[in-house]
Amino acid sequence: MITIYGSANCVWCLKCIQLCQTAEMEYEYRLVENDVDDFKKRFPGENVVPQILWNEEHIGGYEQLAQKVNEVLINENGEYDD
């Protein structure tokens, strides 16, 4: 499961949502504004959004999410071998 931590006016957060929808991947979107303490606890030292959890593991932001999604999609097509 993908968890996206973002804010209401974040273009990159919207791109994360669109990427998950296009790839038909299950995701949850959490507004940081609704629970700042949770964000600070999960991502100490981070002060930008989006921040992404992939199966509860922090992977980074949009670029890292796009890389993981591409790996999964390629793997499902039988073309990716790591």
C-alpha atoms as a PDB file:
ATOM      1  CA  MET A   1       0.000   0.000   0.000  1.00  0.00           C
ATOM      2  CA  ILE A   2       1.168   3.507  -0.828  1.00  0.00           C
ATOM      3  CA  THR A   3       0.620   6.326   1.629  1.00  0.00           C
ATOM      4  CA  ILE A   4       1.101   9.856   0.336  1.00  0.00           C
ATOM      5  CA  TYR A   5       1.572  12.655   2.852  1.00  0.00           C
ATOM      6  CA  GLY A   6       0.849  15.969   1.215  1.00  0.00           C
ATOM      7  CA  SER A   7      -0.792  19.353   1.459  1.00  0.00           C
ATOM      8  CA  ALA A   8      -3.787  20.943  -0.197  1.00  0.00           C
ATOM      9  CA  ASN A   9      -1.852  23.208  -2.595  1.00  0.00           C
ATOM     10  CA  CYS A  10       0.969  20.837  -3.558  1.00  0.00           C
ATOM     11  CA  VAL A  11       1.366  20.179  -7.291  1.00  0.00           C
ATOM     12  CA  TRP A  12       3.756  17.251  -6.726  1.00  0.00           C
ATOM     13  CA  CYS A  13       1.284  15.692  -4.294  1.00  0.00           C
ATOM     14  CA  LEU A  14      -1.381  15.837  -6.993  1.00  0.00           C
ATOM     15  CA  LYS A  15       1.052  14.227  -9.435  1.00  0.00           C
ATOM     16  CA  CYS A  16       1.574  11.378  -6.935  1.00  0.00           C
ATOM     17  CA  ILE A  17      -2.178  10.819  -6.764  1.00  0.00           C
ATOM     18  CA  GLN A  18      -2.496  10.883 -10.557  1.00  0.00           C
ATOM     19  CA  LEU A  19       0.398   8.429 -10.916  1.00  0.00           C
ATOM     20  CA  CYS A  20      -1.220   5.961  -8.513  1.00  0.00           C
ATOM     21  CA  GLN A  21      -4.588   6.293 -10.230  1.00  0.00           C
ATOM     22  CA  THR A  22      -3.108   5.835 -13.705  1.00  0.00           C
ATOM     23  CA  ALA A  23      -1.148   2.774 -12.549  1.00  0.00           C
ATOM     24  CA  GLU A  24      -4.261   1.469 -10.744  1.00  0.00           C
ATOM     25  CA  MET A  25      -2.330   1.146  -7.495  1.00  0.00           C
ATOM     26  CA  GLU A  26      -3.981   1.338  -4.097  1.00  0.00           C
ATOM     27  CA  TYR A  27      -3.033   4.447  -2.170  1.00  0.00           C
ATOM     28  CA  GLU A  28      -4.068   6.575   0.764  1.00  0.00           C
ATOM     29  CA  TYR A  29      -3.691  10.360   0.810  1.00  0.00           C
ATOM     30  CA  ARG A  30      -3.133  12.119   4.115  1.00  0.00           C
ATOM     31  CA  LEU A  31      -3.214  15.868   4.484  1.00  0.00           C
ATOM     32  CA  VAL A  32      -0.304  16.962   6.650  1.00  0.00           C
ATOM     33  CA  GLU A  33      -2.340  19.935   7.837  1.00  0.00           C
ATOM     34  CA  ASN A  34      -4.730  17.537   9.594  1.00  0.00           C
ATOM     35  CA  ASP A  35      -1.990  15.949  11.732  1.00  0.00           C
ATOM     36  CA  VAL A  36       1.305  17.822  11.754  1.00  0.00           C
ATOM     37  CA  ASP A  37       2.541  15.881  14.797  1.00  0.00           C
ATOM     38  CA  ASP A  38       2.144  12.552  12.962  1.00  0.00           C
ATOM     39  CA  PHE A  39       4.077  13.924   9.979  1.00  0.00           C
ATOM     40  CA  LYS A  40       6.941  15.152  12.187  1.00  0.00           C
ATOM     41  CA  LYS A  41       7.051  11.804  14.007  1.00  0.00           C
ATOM     42  CA  ARG A  42       7.095   9.720  10.813  1.00  0.00           C
ATOM     43  CA  PHE A  43       9.488  11.969   8.907  1.00  0.00           C
ATOM     44  CA  PRO A  44      11.886  13.633  11.353  1.00  0.00           C
ATOM     45  CA  GLY A  45      13.913  16.343   9.664  1.00  0.00           C
ATOM     46  CA  GLU A  46      11.637  16.503   6.614  1.00  0.00           C
ATOM     47  CA  ASN A  47       9.747  19.713   5.989  1.00  0.00           C
ATOM     48  CA  VAL A  48       8.572  19.290   2.390  1.00  0.00           C
ATOM     49  CA  VAL A  49       5.784  17.305   0.782  1.00  0.00           C
ATOM     50  CA  PRO A  50       5.055  14.914  -0.675  1.00  0.00           C
ATOM     51  CA  GLN A  51       6.569  12.231   1.517  1.00  0.00           C
ATOM     52  CA  ILE A  52       5.739   8.676   0.499  1.00  0.00           C
ATOM     53  CA  LEU A  53       5.466   5.419   2.406  1.00  0.00           C
ATOM     54  CA  TRP A  54       5.628   2.244   0.316  1.00  0.00           C
ATOM     55  CA  ASN A  55       4.396  -0.653   2.439  1.00  0.00           C
ATOM     56  CA  GLU A  56       5.174   1.450   5.525  1.00  0.00           C
ATOM     57  CA  GLU A  57       8.766   2.158   4.343  1.00  0.00           C
ATOM     58  CA  HIS A  58       9.707   5.783   3.667  1.00  0.00           C
ATOM     59  CA  ILE A  59      10.936   6.022   0.076  1.00  0.00           C
ATOM     60  CA  GLY A  60      11.053   9.802  -0.463  1.00  0.00           C
ATOM     61  CA  GLY A  61       8.983  11.983  -2.772  1.00  0.00           C
ATOM     62  CA  TYR A  62       7.496  11.951  -6.257  1.00  0.00           C
ATOM     63  CA  GLU A  63      10.642  10.839  -8.121  1.00  0.00           C
ATOM     64  CA  GLN A  64      11.110   7.803  -5.873  1.00  0.00           C
ATOM     65  CA  LEU A  65       7.428   6.912  -6.141  1.00  0.00           C
ATOM     66  CA  ALA A  66       7.569   7.116  -9.938  1.00  0.00           C
ATOM     67  CA  GLN A  67      10.620   4.837  -9.966  1.00  0.00           C
ATOM     68  CA  LYS A  68       8.942   2.231  -7.727  1.00  0.00           C
ATOM     69  CA  VAL A  69       5.697   2.304  -9.730  1.00  0.00           C
ATOM     70  CA  ASN A  70       7.633   1.864 -12.982  1.00  0.00           C
ATOM     71  CA  GLU A  71       9.545  -1.085 -11.527  1.00  0.00           C
ATOM     72  CA  VAL A  72       6.300  -2.760 -10.466  1.00  0.00           C
ATOM     73  CA  LEU A  73       4.619  -2.173 -13.822  1.00  0.00           C
ATOM     74  CA  ILE A  74       7.615  -3.430 -15.773  1.00  0.00           C
ATOM     75  CA  ASN A  75       7.862  -6.474 -13.506  1.00  0.00           C
ATOM     76  CA  GLU A  76       4.171  -7.276 -14.073  1.00  0.00           C
ATOM     77  CA  ASN A  77       4.836  -7.228 -17.819  1.00  0.00           C
ATOM     78  CA  GLY A  78       7.693  -9.668 -17.386  1.00  0.00           C
ATOM     79  CA  GLU A  79      10.304  -7.260 -18.693  1.00  0.00           C
ATOM     80  CA  TYR A  80      12.037  -6.197 -15.497  1.00  0.00           C
ATOM     81  CA  ASP A  81      14.607  -8.446 -13.907  1.00  0.00           C
ATOM     82  CA  ASP A  82      16.423  -7.276 -10.800  1.00  0.00           C
END
